[in-house]
Amino acid sequence: MDALDPTSVSGLQELVQFIDFDRLPYAVLVALVGFALLVGFSRLLDDMGERFTDRRLTFKQIKALGRFFLYLAIPTIVASSVLRLESQALFAVAGSISVAVGFAFKDLLGSLIAGVILLFDRPFQVGDRISFGGFYGEVQEIGLRSVRLATLDDNLVTIPNSKFLTDEVASANAGQLDAMVVVPFYVAAAEDFQRARRIVAEATSTSRYAYLKKPVVTVVEDRFLGERFVTVITAKAYVFDVRYEKAFVTDVTERVKVALRAAGVRTPDQQYRDLDLHDGREAR
């Protein structure tokens, strides 16, 4: 850790003389009440989000804004209650105090400003699924210092607010409850691709997780996979709640694979296996 600048140390020492120690119990009480209010406010909005699921992201966004401003308001009230701000001498040492505070909290202040920008510019919101820096997951919190991202494998990633001001970030749902999910399926190039496409479209549109107020699209294209030609059928559909994204993918994939097998439509792996077996029999 870098040594504190002598000017900063002097400023902090000068600041101590303006603290009204008689008002410290009141300041502690304000801090405790503020903390209880913060916890209760968060739990109330979490419960309301689970009860009214169609407004879940709205409650999450209200919670994020409320927590952010409570984090600012509580320290401000505490500081104003214990500091003798009416003292004329306070202004005489304002320069030293500002240097001390700026040096001690420069990183926090930078992150705080970045957090305010994120809240009002809104490149993403709490509850969004975003891709950033190789991570993909749900934004759990936009705090004073950092953004907390819960990945799909249940890791909690903490990213400094300032990173989002300079790097690219992609939001899958951009504040909406629903989000597009893209699921590719591969079939052998010689198979009945029209039948395979109908199977994919039916499995996607009849999934219990599908949001049918938005279109379900299937796209067919041919690609080289390794050294062989294959047909790719891509399902593009919306899940009604972004937190069911993986459940939606699992449901559709499972039913498509069962239906393709029942219809006798082979995947590239099955076709290659059949060709290898045929070549082996001819060689014998």
Protein backbone atom coordinates (compact mmCIF):
# COMPACT_ATOMS: atom_id res chain seq x y z
CA MET A 1 0.00 0.00 0.00
CA ASP A 2 1.31 3.46 -0.89
CA ALA A 3 2.26 5.73 2.02
CA LEU A 4 -0.15 8.58 2.71
CA ASP A 5 0.94 12.00 1.57
CA PRO A 6 1.90 14.30 4.53
CA THR A 7 -0.64 16.84 3.31
CA SER A 8 -3.39 14.21 3.48
CA VAL A 9 -2.37 13.18 7.02
CA SER A 10 -2.41 16.81 8.11
CA GLY A 11 -5.84 17.30 6.56
CA LEU A 12 -7.27 14.31 8.40
CA GLN A 13 -5.83 15.53 11.68
CA GLU A 14 -7.40 18.94 11.14
CA LEU A 15 -10.74 17.32 10.34
CA VAL A 16 -10.84 15.51 13.69
CA GLN A 17 -11.11 18.78 15.60
CA PHE A 18 -14.43 19.54 13.90
CA ILE A 19 -16.10 16.32 15.09
CA ASP A 20 -18.81 16.83 17.71
CA PHE A 21 -18.30 13.72 19.88
CA ASP A 22 -21.43 14.50 21.90
CA ARG A 23 -23.52 13.77 18.82
CA LEU A 24 -21.84 10.44 18.06
CA PRO A 25 -24.64 8.38 19.74
CA TYR A 26 -27.18 10.12 17.50
CA ALA A 27 -25.02 9.39 14.45
CA VAL A 28 -24.73 5.72 15.44
CA LEU A 29 -28.52 5.54 15.85
CA VAL A 30 -29.02 7.07 12.40
CA ALA A 31 -26.60 4.55 10.91
CA LEU A 32 -28.38 1.60 12.56
CA VAL A 33 -31.83 2.80 11.53
CA GLY A 34 -30.55 3.42 8.00
CA PHE A 35 -29.06 -0.06 7.81
CA ALA A 36 -32.33 -1.62 9.04
CA LEU A 37 -34.26 0.43 6.48
CA LEU A 38 -31.87 -0.69 3.74
CA VAL A 39 -32.27 -4.39 4.61
CA GLY A 40 -36.05 -4.16 5.02
CA PHE A 41 -36.44 -2.21 1.77
CA SER A 42 -34.41 -4.81 -0.14
CA ARG A 43 -36.30 -7.78 1.28
CA LEU A 44 -39.69 -6.17 0.65
CA LEU A 45 -38.92 -5.54 -3.02
CA ASP A 46 -37.44 -9.04 -3.45
CA ASP A 47 -40.63 -10.57 -2.01
CA MET A 48 -42.82 -8.39 -4.23
CA GLY A 49 -40.76 -9.37 -7.26
CA GLU A 50 -41.35 -13.06 -6.54
CA ARG A 51 -45.06 -12.51 -5.89
CA PHE A 52 -45.69 -10.36 -8.97
CA THR A 53 -43.39 -12.13 -11.43
CA ASP A 54 -44.47 -10.07 -14.43
CA ARG A 55 -43.02 -7.00 -12.65
CA ARG A 56 -39.97 -8.75 -11.24
CA LEU A 57 -37.41 -6.68 -13.14
CA THR A 58 -39.23 -3.44 -12.29
CA PHE A 59 -38.95 -4.21 -8.58
CA LYS A 60 -35.28 -5.15 -9.03
CA GLN A 61 -34.60 -1.82 -10.72
CA ILE A 62 -36.42 0.14 -7.98
CA LYS A 63 -34.37 -1.77 -5.42
CA ALA A 64 -31.11 -0.91 -7.20
CA LEU A 65 -31.93 2.81 -7.34
CA GLY A 66 -33.17 2.86 -3.73
CA ARG A 67 -30.11 1.07 -2.37
CA PHE A 68 -27.78 3.32 -4.33
CA PHE A 69 -29.27 6.53 -2.96
CA LEU A 70 -29.58 5.15 0.59
CA TYR A 71 -25.88 4.30 0.45
CA LEU A 72 -25.28 7.97 -0.35
CA ALA A 73 -27.86 9.50 1.98
CA ILE A 74 -26.99 7.62 5.19
CA PRO A 75 -23.27 8.61 5.29
CA THR A 76 -24.24 12.19 4.36
CA ILE A 77 -26.71 12.46 7.24
CA VAL A 78 -24.24 10.87 9.68
CA ALA A 79 -21.44 13.19 8.59
CA SER A 80 -23.61 16.31 8.82
CA SER A 81 -24.75 15.35 12.33
CA VAL A 82 -21.26 14.91 13.83
CA LEU A 83 -19.34 17.63 11.99
CA ARG A 84 -19.48 21.24 13.15
CA LEU A 85 -20.22 22.55 9.68
CA GLU A 86 -21.17 25.99 11.00
CA SER A 87 -17.64 26.66 12.17
CA GLN A 88 -15.90 29.33 10.14
CA ALA A 89 -12.60 27.60 10.73
CA LEU A 90 -13.83 24.63 8.75
CA PHE A 91 -13.64 26.66 5.57
CA ALA A 92 -10.11 27.70 6.38
CA VAL A 93 -8.94 24.11 6.14
CA ALA A 94 -11.29 23.10 3.35
CA GLY A 95 -8.39 22.70 0.95
CA SER A 96 -6.50 20.31 3.20
CA ILE A 97 -9.66 18.33 3.96
CA SER A 98 -10.56 18.00 0.29
CA VAL A 99 -7.03 16.74 -0.47
CA ALA A 100 -7.27 14.19 2.35
CA VAL A 101 -10.68 12.94 1.32
CA GLY A 102 -9.78 12.92 -2.35
CA PHE A 103 -6.60 10.93 -1.76
CA ALA A 104 -8.18 8.42 0.61
CA PHE A 105 -11.26 7.81 -1.50
CA LYS A 106 -10.16 8.58 -5.05
CA ASP A 107 -10.87 5.05 -6.35
CA LEU A 108 -14.23 4.93 -4.57
CA LEU A 109 -15.21 8.35 -5.92
CA GLY A 110 -14.30 7.27 -9.45
CA SER A 111 -16.40 4.13 -9.12
CA LEU A 112 -19.23 6.14 -7.56
CA ILE A 113 -19.34 8.53 -10.51
CA ALA A 114 -19.26 5.55 -12.90
CA GLY A 115 -22.13 3.93 -10.95
CA VAL A 116 -24.25 7.08 -11.27
CA ILE A 117 -23.58 7.11 -15.02
CA LEU A 118 -24.60 3.43 -15.30
CA LEU A 119 -27.85 4.06 -13.42
CA PHE A 120 -28.89 6.99 -15.61
CA ASP A 121 -27.34 6.06 -18.97
CA ARG A 122 -28.69 2.49 -18.51
CA PRO A 123 -26.59 0.37 -20.88
CA PHE A 124 -28.05 -2.45 -18.78
CA GLN A 125 -30.24 -2.78 -15.68
CA VAL A 126 -30.49 -5.01 -12.64
CA GLY A 127 -32.02 -8.30 -13.79
CA ASP A 128 -30.56 -8.12 -17.30
CA ARG A 129 -28.54 -10.98 -18.76
CA ILE A 130 -25.33 -9.42 -20.06
CA SER A 131 -22.08 -10.53 -21.71
CA PHE A 132 -18.98 -8.72 -20.50
CA GLY A 133 -15.28 -9.58 -20.40
CA GLY A 134 -15.86 -13.25 -21.21
CA PHE A 135 -18.60 -13.62 -18.58
CA TYR A 136 -22.32 -14.12 -19.17
CA GLY A 137 -24.96 -13.92 -16.46
CA GLU A 138 -27.59 -11.89 -14.62
CA VAL A 139 -26.87 -8.49 -13.12
CA GLN A 140 -27.58 -8.90 -9.40
CA GLU A 141 -26.59 -5.45 -8.19
CA ILE A 142 -25.23 -2.10 -9.36
CA GLY A 143 -23.41 -0.83 -6.28
CA LEU A 144 -21.33 2.17 -5.31
CA ARG A 145 -18.09 0.47 -6.36
CA SER A 146 -18.94 -2.46 -8.61
CA VAL A 147 -21.48 -4.50 -10.52
CA ARG A 148 -22.21 -8.02 -9.31
CA LEU A 149 -22.88 -10.57 -12.03
CA ALA A 150 -24.23 -14.08 -11.30
CA THR A 151 -23.10 -16.45 -14.05
CA LEU A 152 -25.15 -19.44 -15.20
CA ASP A 153 -22.80 -21.82 -13.34
CA ASP A 154 -23.59 -19.93 -10.10
CA ASN A 155 -20.40 -17.92 -9.76
CA LEU A 156 -20.64 -14.35 -8.47
CA VAL A 157 -18.39 -12.05 -10.51
CA THR A 158 -17.57 -8.56 -9.20
CA ILE A 159 -16.64 -6.01 -11.88
CA PRO A 160 -15.60 -2.38 -11.13
CA ASN A 161 -18.13 0.16 -12.39
CA SER A 162 -15.48 2.06 -14.34
CA LYS A 163 -14.85 -0.95 -16.61
CA PHE A 164 -18.29 -0.57 -18.18
CA LEU A 165 -17.52 2.98 -19.31
CA THR A 166 -14.71 1.89 -21.62
CA ASP A 167 -15.47 -1.71 -22.67
CA GLU A 168 -18.28 -3.21 -24.76
CA VAL A 169 -21.22 -4.83 -22.98
CA ALA A 170 -24.12 -6.75 -24.57
CA SER A 171 -27.55 -7.06 -22.90
CA ALA A 172 -29.77 -9.98 -23.91
CA ASN A 173 -33.05 -8.52 -22.66
CA ALA A 174 -32.37 -4.78 -22.14
CA GLY A 175 -34.74 -4.31 -19.20
CA GLN A 176 -37.44 -6.65 -20.51
CA LEU A 177 -38.54 -9.84 -18.81
CA ASP A 178 -38.39 -11.89 -22.02
CA ALA A 179 -35.25 -12.55 -24.07
CA MET A 180 -34.34 -14.21 -27.36
CA VAL A 181 -32.72 -17.63 -27.16
CA VAL A 182 -30.90 -19.18 -30.15
CA VAL A 183 -30.59 -22.98 -30.31
CA PRO A 184 -28.84 -24.67 -33.29
CA PHE A 185 -29.52 -28.27 -34.36
CA TYR A 186 -27.37 -30.27 -36.79
CA VAL A 187 -28.67 -32.91 -39.19
CA ALA A 188 -26.93 -34.82 -41.95
CA ALA A 189 -26.99 -33.01 -45.29
CA ALA A 190 -28.77 -35.89 -47.07
CA GLU A 191 -31.67 -36.05 -44.58
CA ASP A 192 -35.16 -34.60 -44.99
CA PHE A 193 -34.41 -31.08 -43.76
CA GLN A 194 -38.00 -29.89 -44.22
CA ARG A 195 -39.26 -32.54 -41.84
CA ALA A 196 -36.46 -31.73 -39.43
CA ARG A 197 -37.36 -28.04 -39.59
CA ARG A 198 -41.01 -28.79 -38.75
CA ILE A 199 -39.89 -30.84 -35.76
CA VAL A 200 -37.68 -28.01 -34.49
CA ALA A 201 -40.39 -25.39 -35.00
CA GLU A 202 -43.04 -27.50 -33.23
CA ALA A 203 -40.81 -28.34 -30.27
CA THR A 204 -39.84 -24.68 -29.87
CA SER A 205 -43.31 -23.16 -30.15
CA THR A 206 -44.93 -25.74 -27.83
CA SER A 207 -42.34 -25.41 -25.04
CA ARG A 208 -43.89 -24.28 -21.77
CA TYR A 209 -41.15 -21.65 -21.51
CA ALA A 210 -41.78 -20.05 -24.92
CA TYR A 211 -43.07 -16.48 -25.11
CA LEU A 212 -45.48 -16.70 -28.03
CA LYS A 213 -46.35 -13.01 -28.22
CA LYS A 214 -43.11 -12.71 -30.17
CA PRO A 215 -42.29 -14.73 -33.29
CA VAL A 216 -40.68 -18.16 -33.37
CA VAL A 217 -38.26 -18.39 -36.32
CA THR A 218 -36.34 -21.34 -37.75
CA VAL A 219 -33.44 -20.77 -40.13
CA VAL A 220 -31.94 -23.47 -42.39
CA GLU A 221 -28.42 -23.27 -43.77
CA ASP A 222 -25.70 -25.61 -44.99
CA ARG A 223 -22.21 -25.51 -43.48
CA PHE A 224 -18.95 -27.38 -43.57
CA LEU A 225 -18.38 -29.17 -40.25
CA GLY A 226 -14.83 -30.43 -40.32
CA GLU A 227 -14.55 -31.90 -43.82
CA ARG A 228 -18.23 -32.78 -44.26
CA PHE A 229 -21.31 -30.88 -45.33
CA VAL A 230 -24.12 -30.62 -42.74
CA THR A 231 -27.46 -28.86 -42.46
CA VAL A 232 -27.95 -26.49 -39.52
CA ILE A 233 -31.50 -25.71 -38.36
CA THR A 234 -31.45 -22.79 -35.91
CA ALA A 235 -34.41 -22.05 -33.66
CA LYS A 236 -34.80 -18.40 -32.63
CA ALA A 237 -37.48 -17.83 -30.00
CA TYR A 238 -38.17 -15.83 -26.86
CA VAL A 239 -38.32 -17.26 -23.36
CA PHE A 240 -41.05 -15.62 -21.24
CA ASP A 241 -38.65 -14.98 -18.34
CA VAL A 242 -34.91 -14.72 -18.90
CA ARG A 243 -34.10 -16.74 -15.78
CA TYR A 244 -35.61 -19.80 -17.51
CA GLU A 245 -33.20 -19.52 -20.44
CA LYS A 246 -31.33 -22.78 -19.73
CA ALA A 247 -34.54 -24.63 -18.86
CA PHE A 248 -35.94 -23.54 -22.23
CA VAL A 249 -32.85 -24.73 -24.11
CA THR A 250 -32.91 -28.07 -22.29
CA ASP A 251 -36.62 -28.61 -22.92
CA VAL A 252 -36.42 -27.83 -26.64
CA THR A 253 -33.20 -29.80 -27.21
CA GLU A 254 -34.50 -32.89 -25.46
CA ARG A 255 -37.77 -32.97 -27.40
CA VAL A 256 -36.11 -32.26 -30.75
CA LYS A 257 -33.61 -35.08 -30.30
CA VAL A 258 -36.35 -37.57 -29.36
CA ALA A 259 -38.53 -36.47 -32.32
CA LEU A 260 -35.65 -36.62 -34.82
CA ARG A 261 -34.76 -40.13 -33.68
CA ALA A 262 -38.39 -41.26 -33.95
CA ALA A 263 -38.65 -39.76 -37.45
CA GLY A 264 -35.44 -41.47 -38.61
CA VAL A 265 -33.68 -38.17 -39.32
CA ARG A 266 -29.97 -38.70 -38.68
CA THR A 267 -27.55 -36.26 -37.16
CA PRO A 268 -24.08 -35.86 -38.76
CA ASP A 269 -22.53 -38.13 -36.11
CA GLN A 270 -25.05 -40.89 -36.85
CA GLN A 271 -24.46 -40.56 -40.58
CA TYR A 272 -20.66 -40.75 -40.15
CA ARG A 273 -21.03 -43.78 -37.87
CA ASP A 274 -23.22 -45.53 -40.44
CA LEU A 275 -20.72 -44.74 -43.20
CA ASP A 276 -17.82 -46.05 -41.12
CA LEU A 277 -19.69 -49.26 -40.37
CA HIS A 278 -20.55 -49.67 -44.07
CA ASP A 279 -16.94 -49.07 -45.11
CA GLY A 280 -15.78 -51.59 -42.50
CA ARG A 281 -18.11 -54.30 -43.80
CA GLU A 282 -16.99 -53.70 -47.40
CA ALA A 283 -13.34 -53.94 -46.35
CA ARG A 284 -13.95 -57.37 -44.82
